[in-house]
Amino acid sequence: MNDSELKFPQWQAPFQELIIEFTLQRLPEKLQKAEALVQGRLQQLDQGSNHRNEKIALQDALSILRVMKSDGLHSVDRNK
């Protein structure tokens, strides 16, 4: 899926790159970047805007990031 097919490419593109990352050594950096973008966008939307669909997508992304963080980063540590 390219950026023009994403509803919220500002944060979904880096998130998508993280999901398809196969190099474990790159995972922590990409995870941190995606998490910062998602958190930052969520904070922007909490400041008075009413973007319900994007907020739901952001919350879903945060849930996925939490799972990846707990599962994926432990794998990186074991493979060093």
PDB file of N, CA and C in Angstrom:
ATOM      1  N   MET A   1       0.846  -1.171   0.000  1.00  0.00           N
ATOM      2  CA  MET A   1       0.000   0.000   0.000  1.00  0.00           C
ATOM      3  C   MET A   1       0.895   1.239   0.000  1.00  0.00           C
ATOM      4  N   ASN A   2       0.635   2.164  -0.923  1.00  0.00           N
ATOM      5  CA  ASN A   2       1.453   3.374  -0.955  1.00  0.00           C
ATOM      6  C   ASN A   2       0.766   4.505  -0.195  1.00  0.00           C
ATOM      7  N   ASP A   3       1.486   5.613  -0.032  1.00  0.00           N
ATOM      8  CA  ASP A   3       0.990   6.732   0.772  1.00  0.00           C
ATOM      9  C   ASP A   3      -0.351   7.268   0.289  1.00  0.00           C
ATOM     10  N   SER A   4      -0.594   7.239  -1.020  1.00  0.00           N
ATOM     11  CA  SER A   4      -1.849   7.782  -1.529  1.00  0.00           C
ATOM     12  C   SER A   4      -3.046   6.911  -1.168  1.00  0.00           C
ATOM     13  N   GLU A   5      -2.808   5.657  -0.789  1.00  0.00           N
ATOM     14  CA  GLU A   5      -3.886   4.749  -0.400  1.00  0.00           C
ATOM     15  C   GLU A   5      -4.147   4.774   1.107  1.00  0.00           C
ATOM     16  N   LEU A   6      -3.282   5.429   1.870  1.00  0.00           N
ATOM     17  CA  LEU A   6      -3.444   5.507   3.317  1.00  0.00           C
ATOM     18  C   LEU A   6      -4.343   6.688   3.674  1.00  0.00           C
ATOM     19  N   LYS A   7      -5.219   6.503   4.650  1.00  0.00           N
ATOM     20  CA  LYS A   7      -6.086   7.598   5.085  1.00  0.00           C
ATOM     21  C   LYS A   7      -5.318   8.672   5.836  1.00  0.00           C
ATOM     22  N   PHE A   8      -4.307   8.265   6.612  1.00  0.00           N
ATOM     23  CA  PHE A   8      -3.536   9.179   7.449  1.00  0.00           C
ATOM     24  C   PHE A   8      -2.038   8.929   7.225  1.00  0.00           C
ATOM     25  N   PRO A   9      -1.518   9.255   6.047  1.00  0.00           N
ATOM     26  CA  PRO A   9      -0.139   8.891   5.696  1.00  0.00           C
ATOM     27  C   PRO A   9       0.937   9.493   6.589  1.00  0.00           C
ATOM     28  N   GLN A  10       0.643  10.600   7.251  1.00  0.00           N
ATOM     29  CA  GLN A  10       1.626  11.269   8.113  1.00  0.00           C
ATOM     30  C   GLN A  10       2.193  10.297   9.142  1.00  0.00           C
ATOM     31  N   TRP A  11       1.348   9.483   9.734  1.00  0.00           N
ATOM     32  CA  TRP A  11       1.820   8.535  10.744  1.00  0.00           C
ATOM     33  C   TRP A  11       1.661   7.085  10.293  1.00  0.00           C
ATOM     34  N   GLN A  12       0.756   6.823   9.339  1.00  0.00           N
ATOM     35  CA  GLN A  12       0.548   5.442   8.910  1.00  0.00           C
ATOM     36  C   GLN A  12       1.698   4.905   8.062  1.00  0.00           C
ATOM     37  N   ALA A  13       2.348   5.750   7.285  1.00  0.00           N
ATOM     38  CA  ALA A  13       3.464   5.275   6.451  1.00  0.00           C
ATOM     39  C   ALA A  13       4.617   4.748   7.314  1.00  0.00           C
ATOM     40  N   PRO A  14       5.100   5.504   8.312  1.00  0.00           N
ATOM     41  CA  PRO A  14       6.154   4.957   9.178  1.00  0.00           C
ATOM     42  C   PRO A  14       5.682   3.733   9.964  1.00  0.00           C
ATOM     43  N   PHE A  15       4.416   3.726  10.349  1.00  0.00           N
ATOM     44  CA  PHE A  15       3.864   2.585  11.070  1.00  0.00           C
ATOM     45  C   PHE A  15       3.878   1.350  10.167  1.00  0.00           C
ATOM     46  N   GLN A  16       3.497   1.540   8.924  1.00  0.00           N
ATOM     47  CA  GLN A  16       3.502   0.442   7.949  1.00  0.00           C
ATOM     48  C   GLN A  16       4.927  -0.069   7.724  1.00  0.00           C
ATOM     49  N   GLU A  17       5.896   0.833   7.640  1.00  0.00           N
ATOM     50  CA  GLU A  17       7.293   0.425   7.483  1.00  0.00           C
ATOM     51  C   GLU A  17       7.748  -0.432   8.663  1.00  0.00           C
ATOM     52  N   LEU A  18       7.300  -0.075   9.848  1.00  0.00           N
ATOM     53  CA  LEU A  18       7.637  -0.842  11.043  1.00  0.00           C
ATOM     54  C   LEU A  18       7.051  -2.247  10.969  1.00  0.00           C
ATOM     55  N   ILE A  19       5.809  -2.339  10.557  1.00  0.00           N
ATOM     56  CA  ILE A  19       5.117  -3.626  10.498  1.00  0.00           C
ATOM     57  C   ILE A  19       5.821  -4.586   9.544  1.00  0.00           C
ATOM     58  N   ILE A  20       6.355  -4.067   8.450  1.00  0.00           N
ATOM     59  CA  ILE A  20       6.974  -4.949   7.463  1.00  0.00           C
ATOM     60  C   ILE A  20       8.497  -5.044   7.614  1.00  0.00           C
ATOM     61  N   GLU A  21       9.033  -4.489   8.683  1.00  0.00           N
ATOM     62  CA  GLU A  21      10.481  -4.539   8.919  1.00  0.00           C
ATOM     63  C   GLU A  21      10.901  -5.957   9.295  1.00  0.00           C
ATOM     64  N   PHE A  22      11.876  -6.468   8.575  1.00  0.00           N
ATOM     65  CA  PHE A  22      12.362  -7.820   8.821  1.00  0.00           C
ATOM     66  C   PHE A  22      13.732  -7.846   9.481  1.00  0.00           C
ATOM     67  N   THR A  23      14.394  -6.712   9.543  1.00  0.00           N
ATOM     68  CA  THR A  23      15.709  -6.636  10.157  1.00  0.00           C
ATOM     69  C   THR A  23      15.526  -6.278  11.630  1.00  0.00           C
ATOM     70  N   LEU A  24      15.778  -7.227  12.492  1.00  0.00           N
ATOM     71  CA  LEU A  24      15.529  -7.013  13.924  1.00  0.00           C
ATOM     72  C   LEU A  24      16.332  -5.850  14.493  1.00  0.00           C
ATOM     73  N   GLN A  25      17.511  -5.609  13.959  1.00  0.00           N
ATOM     74  CA  GLN A  25      18.338  -4.523  14.484  1.00  0.00           C
ATOM     75  C   GLN A  25      17.709  -3.158  14.197  1.00  0.00           C
ATOM     76  N   ARG A  26      16.901  -3.045  13.170  1.00  0.00           N
ATOM     77  CA  ARG A  26      16.248  -1.775  12.844  1.00  0.00           C
ATOM     78  C   ARG A  26      14.942  -1.582  13.605  1.00  0.00           C
ATOM     79  N   LEU A  27      14.428  -2.637  14.155  1.00  0.00           N
ATOM     80  CA  LEU A  27      13.126  -2.593  14.799  1.00  0.00           C
ATOM     81  C   LEU A  27      13.024  -1.560  15.925  1.00  0.00           C
ATOM     82  N   PRO A  28      13.963  -1.499  16.868  1.00  0.00           N
ATOM     83  CA  PRO A  28      13.826  -0.508  17.956  1.00  0.00           C
ATOM     84  C   PRO A  28      13.741   0.938  17.459  1.00  0.00           C
ATOM     85  N   GLU A  29      14.570   1.283  16.479  1.00  0.00           N
ATOM     86  CA  GLU A  29      14.562   2.653  15.948  1.00  0.00           C
ATOM     87  C   GLU A  29      13.239   2.971  15.264  1.00  0.00           C
ATOM     88  N   LYS A  30      12.770   2.038  14.435  1.00  0.00           N
ATOM     89  CA  LYS A  30      11.512   2.266  13.730  1.00  0.00           C
ATOM     90  C   LYS A  30      10.329   2.256  14.696  1.00  0.00           C
ATOM     91  N   LEU A  31      10.401   1.437  15.701  1.00  0.00           N
ATOM     92  CA  LEU A  31       9.348   1.382  16.709  1.00  0.00           C
ATOM     93  C   LEU A  31       9.259   2.710  17.455  1.00  0.00           C
ATOM     94  N   GLN A  32      10.392   3.234  17.833  1.00  0.00           N
ATOM     95  CA  GLN A  32      10.434   4.517  18.539  1.00  0.00           C
ATOM     96  C   GLN A  32       9.884   5.643  17.666  1.00  0.00           C
ATOM     97  N   LYS A  33      10.259   5.650  16.399  1.00  0.00           N
ATOM     98  CA  LYS A  33       9.792   6.694  15.476  1.00  0.00           C
ATOM     99  C   LYS A  33       8.282   6.616  15.285  1.00  0.00           C
ATOM    100  N   ALA A  34       7.777   5.411  15.039  1.00  0.00           N
ATOM    101  CA  ALA A  34       6.341   5.242  14.823  1.00  0.00           C
ATOM    102  C   ALA A  34       5.556   5.613  16.073  1.00  0.00           C
ATOM    103  N   GLU A  35       6.052   5.200  17.223  1.00  0.00           N
ATOM    104  CA  GLU A  35       5.365   5.507  18.478  1.00  0.00           C
ATOM    105  C   GLU A  35       5.317   7.017  18.715  1.00  0.00           C
ATOM    106  N   ALA A  36       6.405   7.702  18.442  1.00  0.00           N
ATOM    107  CA  ALA A  36       6.443   9.159  18.624  1.00  0.00           C
ATOM    108  C   ALA A  36       5.449   9.854  17.691  1.00  0.00           C
ATOM    109  N   LEU A  37       5.378   9.402  16.451  1.00  0.00           N
ATOM    110  CA  LEU A  37       4.440  10.005  15.498  1.00  0.00           C
ATOM    111  C   LEU A  37       2.994   9.753  15.909  1.00  0.00           C
ATOM    112  N   VAL A  38       2.700   8.533  16.313  1.00  0.00           N
ATOM    113  CA  VAL A  38       1.337   8.190  16.724  1.00  0.00           C
ATOM    114  C   VAL A  38       0.942   8.979  17.969  1.00  0.00           C
ATOM    115  N   GLN A  39       1.812   8.996  18.975  1.00  0.00           N
ATOM    116  CA  GLN A  39       1.533   9.742  20.206  1.00  0.00           C
ATOM    117  C   GLN A  39       1.364  11.240  19.914  1.00  0.00           C
ATOM    118  N   GLY A  40       2.254  11.772  19.084  1.00  0.00           N
ATOM    119  CA  GLY A  40       2.186  13.194  18.747  1.00  0.00           C
ATOM    120  C   GLY A  40       0.898  13.554  18.033  1.00  0.00           C
ATOM    121  N   ARG A  41       0.502  12.714  17.097  1.00  0.00           N
ATOM    122  CA  ARG A  41      -0.738  12.973  16.363  1.00  0.00           C
ATOM    123  C   ARG A  41      -1.946  12.850  17.288  1.00  0.00           C
ATOM    124  N   LEU A  42      -1.920  11.891  18.171  1.00  0.00           N
ATOM    125  CA  LEU A  42      -3.021  11.725  19.115  1.00  0.00           C
ATOM    126  C   LEU A  42      -3.143  12.957  20.012  1.00  0.00           C
ATOM    127  N   GLN A  43      -2.026  13.509  20.439  1.00  0.00           N
ATOM    128  CA  GLN A  43      -2.051  14.728  21.256  1.00  0.00           C
ATOM    129  C   GLN A  43      -2.607  15.902  20.459  1.00  0.00           C
ATOM    130  N   GLN A  44      -2.242  15.995  19.176  1.00  0.00           N
ATOM    131  CA  GLN A  44      -2.781  17.066  18.329  1.00  0.00           C
ATOM    132  C   GLN A  44      -4.300  16.975  18.241  1.00  0.00           C
ATOM    133  N   LEU A  45      -4.784  15.767  18.060  1.00  0.00           N
ATOM    134  CA  LEU A  45      -6.226  15.591  17.894  1.00  0.00           C
ATOM    135  C   LEU A  45      -6.990  15.810  19.185  1.00  0.00           C
ATOM    136  N   ASP A  46      -6.345  15.591  20.322  1.00  0.00           N
ATOM    137  CA  ASP A  46      -7.004  15.801  21.611  1.00  0.00           C
ATOM    138  C   ASP A  46      -7.201  17.281  21.918  1.00  0.00           C
ATOM    139  N   GLN A  47      -6.585  18.127  21.150  1.00  0.00           N
ATOM    140  CA  GLN A  47      -6.683  19.566  21.396  1.00  0.00           C
ATOM    141  C   GLN A  47      -7.848  20.181  20.633  1.00  0.00           C
ATOM    142  N   GLY A  48      -9.033  19.591  20.795  1.00  0.00           N
ATOM    143  CA  GLY A  48     -10.245  20.222  20.295  1.00  0.00           C
ATOM    144  C   GLY A  48     -10.795  19.713  18.975  1.00  0.00           C
ATOM    145  N   SER A  49     -10.047  18.978  18.210  1.00  0.00           N
ATOM    146  CA  SER A  49     -10.577  18.514  16.935  1.00  0.00           C
ATOM    147  C   SER A  49     -11.445  17.281  17.145  1.00  0.00           C
ATOM    148  N   ASN A  50     -12.259  16.974  16.169  1.00  0.00           N
ATOM    149  CA  ASN A  50     -13.182  15.855  16.289  1.00  0.00           C
ATOM    150  C   ASN A  50     -12.950  14.888  15.127  1.00  0.00           C
ATOM    151  N   HIS A  51     -11.879  14.155  15.176  1.00  0.00           N
ATOM    152  CA  HIS A  51     -11.523  13.184  14.136  1.00  0.00           C
ATOM    153  C   HIS A  51     -11.647  11.784  14.714  1.00  0.00           C
ATOM    154  N   ARG A  52     -12.870  11.363  14.920  1.00  0.00           N
ATOM    155  CA  ARG A  52     -13.148  10.097  15.607  1.00  0.00           C
ATOM    156  C   ARG A  52     -12.458   8.909  14.935  1.00  0.00           C
ATOM    157  N   ASN A  53     -12.566   8.795  13.606  1.00  0.00           N
ATOM    158  CA  ASN A  53     -11.988   7.647  12.903  1.00  0.00           C
ATOM    159  C   ASN A  53     -10.474   7.597  13.045  1.00  0.00           C
ATOM    160  N   GLU A  54      -9.835   8.747  12.952  1.00  0.00           N
ATOM    161  CA  GLU A  54      -8.384   8.756  13.098  1.00  0.00           C
ATOM    162  C   GLU A  54      -7.990   8.440  14.540  1.00  0.00           C
ATOM    163  N   LYS A  55      -8.725   8.930  15.501  1.00  0.00           N
ATOM    164  CA  LYS A  55      -8.421   8.625  16.899  1.00  0.00           C
ATOM    165  C   LYS A  55      -8.522   7.125  17.167  1.00  0.00           C
ATOM    166  N   ILE A  56      -9.527   6.491  16.597  1.00  0.00           N
ATOM    167  CA  ILE A  56      -9.671   5.039  16.745  1.00  0.00           C
ATOM    168  C   ILE A  56      -8.486   4.335  16.100  1.00  0.00           C
ATOM    169  N   ALA A  57      -8.099   4.768  14.904  1.00  0.00           N
ATOM    170  CA  ALA A  57      -6.956   4.167  14.216  1.00  0.00           C
ATOM    171  C   ALA A  57      -5.664   4.362  15.016  1.00  0.00           C
ATOM    172  N   LEU A  58      -5.502   5.523  15.616  1.00  0.00           N
ATOM    173  CA  LEU A  58      -4.321   5.801  16.432  1.00  0.00           C
ATOM    174  C   LEU A  58      -4.289   4.913  17.676  1.00  0.00           C
ATOM    175  N   GLN A  59      -5.428   4.741  18.316  1.00  0.00           N
ATOM    176  CA  GLN A  59      -5.487   3.871  19.496  1.00  0.00           C
ATOM    177  C   GLN A  59      -5.160   2.430  19.114  1.00  0.00           C
ATOM    178  N   ASP A  60      -5.661   1.990  17.960  1.00  0.00           N
ATOM    179  CA  ASP A  60      -5.342   0.650  17.468  1.00  0.00           C
ATOM    180  C   ASP A  60      -3.846   0.518  17.208  1.00  0.00           C
ATOM    181  N   ALA A  61      -3.270   1.545  16.598  1.00  0.00           N
ATOM    182  CA  ALA A  61      -1.834   1.527  16.309  1.00  0.00           C
ATOM    183  C   ALA A  61      -1.030   1.458  17.607  1.00  0.00           C
ATOM    184  N   LEU A  62      -1.445   2.204  18.616  1.00  0.00           N
ATOM    185  CA  LEU A  62      -0.746   2.157  19.907  1.00  0.00           C
ATOM    186  C   LEU A  62      -0.815   0.766  20.530  1.00  0.00           C
ATOM    187  N   SER A  63      -1.947   0.117  20.408  1.00  0.00           N
ATOM    188  CA  SER A  63      -2.077  -1.246  20.932  1.00  0.00           C
ATOM    189  C   SER A  63      -1.106  -2.191  20.222  1.00  0.00           C
ATOM    190  N   ILE A  64      -1.015  -2.062  18.918  1.00  0.00           N
ATOM    191  CA  ILE A  64      -0.096  -2.898  18.139  1.00  0.00           C
ATOM    192  C   ILE A  64       1.347  -2.588  18.518  1.00  0.00           C
ATOM    193  N   LEU A  65       1.656  -1.315  18.683  1.00  0.00           N
ATOM    194  CA  LEU A  65       3.017  -0.918  19.067  1.00  0.00           C
ATOM    195  C   LEU A  65       3.400  -1.490  20.427  1.00  0.00           C
ATOM    196  N   ARG A  66       2.463  -1.499  21.351  1.00  0.00           N
ATOM    197  CA  ARG A  66       2.748  -2.057  22.678  1.00  0.00           C
ATOM    198  C   ARG A  66       3.079  -3.548  22.587  1.00  0.00           C
ATOM    199  N   VAL A  67       2.328  -4.268  21.777  1.00  0.00           N
ATOM    200  CA  VAL A  67       2.593  -5.696  21.601  1.00  0.00           C
ATOM    201  C   VAL A  67       3.945  -5.894  20.930  1.00  0.00           C
ATOM    202  N   MET A  68       4.205  -5.123  19.882  1.00  0.00           N
ATOM    203  CA  MET A  68       5.487  -5.239  19.182  1.00  0.00           C
ATOM    204  C   MET A  68       6.639  -4.899  20.110  1.00  0.00           C
ATOM    205  N   LYS A  69       6.425  -3.896  20.942  1.00  0.00           N
ATOM    206  CA  LYS A  69       7.466  -3.474  21.873  1.00  0.00           C
ATOM    207  C   LYS A  69       7.789  -4.599  22.859  1.00  0.00           C
ATOM    208  N   SER A  70       6.774  -5.200  23.415  1.00  0.00           N
ATOM    209  CA  SER A  70       7.018  -6.248  24.405  1.00  0.00           C
ATOM    210  C   SER A  70       7.531  -7.531  23.761  1.00  0.00           C
ATOM    211  N   ASP A  71       7.037  -7.893  22.602  1.00  0.00           N
ATOM    212  CA  ASP A  71       7.469  -9.123  21.937  1.00  0.00           C
ATOM    213  C   ASP A  71       8.724  -8.927  21.094  1.00  0.00           C
ATOM    214  N   GLY A  72       8.714  -7.920  20.262  1.00  0.00           N
ATOM    215  CA  GLY A  72       9.786  -7.719  19.305  1.00  0.00           C
ATOM    216  C   GLY A  72      11.112  -7.334  19.909  1.00  0.00           C
ATOM    217  N   LEU A  73      11.111  -6.451  20.874  1.00  0.00           N
ATOM    218  CA  LEU A  73      12.369  -5.982  21.432  1.00  0.00           C
ATOM    219  C   LEU A  73      13.051  -7.072  22.258  1.00  0.00           C
ATOM    220  N   HIS A  74      12.274  -7.967  22.841  1.00  0.00           N
ATOM    221  CA  HIS A  74      12.880  -9.083  23.548  1.00  0.00           C
ATOM    222  C   HIS A  74      13.610 -10.001  22.565  1.00  0.00           C
ATOM    223  N   SER A  75      13.051 -10.122  21.352  1.00  0.00           N
ATOM    224  CA  SER A  75      13.699 -10.931  20.313  1.00  0.00           C
ATOM    225  C   SER A  75      15.023 -10.320  19.893  1.00  0.00           C
ATOM    226  N   VAL A  76      15.052  -8.976  19.794  1.00  0.00           N
ATOM    227  CA  VAL A  76      16.288  -8.293  19.430  1.00  0.00           C
ATOM    228  C   VAL A  76      17.359  -8.559  20.476  1.00  0.00           C
ATOM    229  N   ASP A  77      16.993  -8.469  21.745  1.00  0.00           N
ATOM    230  CA  ASP A  77      17.952  -8.704  22.834  1.00  0.00           C
ATOM    231  C   ASP A  77      18.499 -10.122  22.786  1.00  0.00           C
ATOM    232  N   ARG A  78      17.680 -11.094  22.480  1.00  0.00           N
ATOM    233  CA  ARG A  78      18.120 -12.487  22.447  1.00  0.00           C
ATOM    234  C   ARG A  78      19.037 -12.767  21.273  1.00  0.00           C
ATOM    235  N   ASN A  79      18.907 -11.979  20.201  1.00  0.00           N
ATOM    236  CA  ASN A  79      19.689 -12.249  18.997  1.00  0.00           C
ATOM    237  C   ASN A  79      20.989 -11.477  18.946  1.00  0.00           C
ATOM    238  N   LYS A  80      21.326 -10.741  19.981  1.00  0.00           N
ATOM    239  CA  LYS A  80      22.584  -9.971  19.979  1.00  0.00           C
ATOM    240  C   LYS A  80      23.745 -10.862  20.250  1.00  0.00           C
TER     241      LYS A  80
END
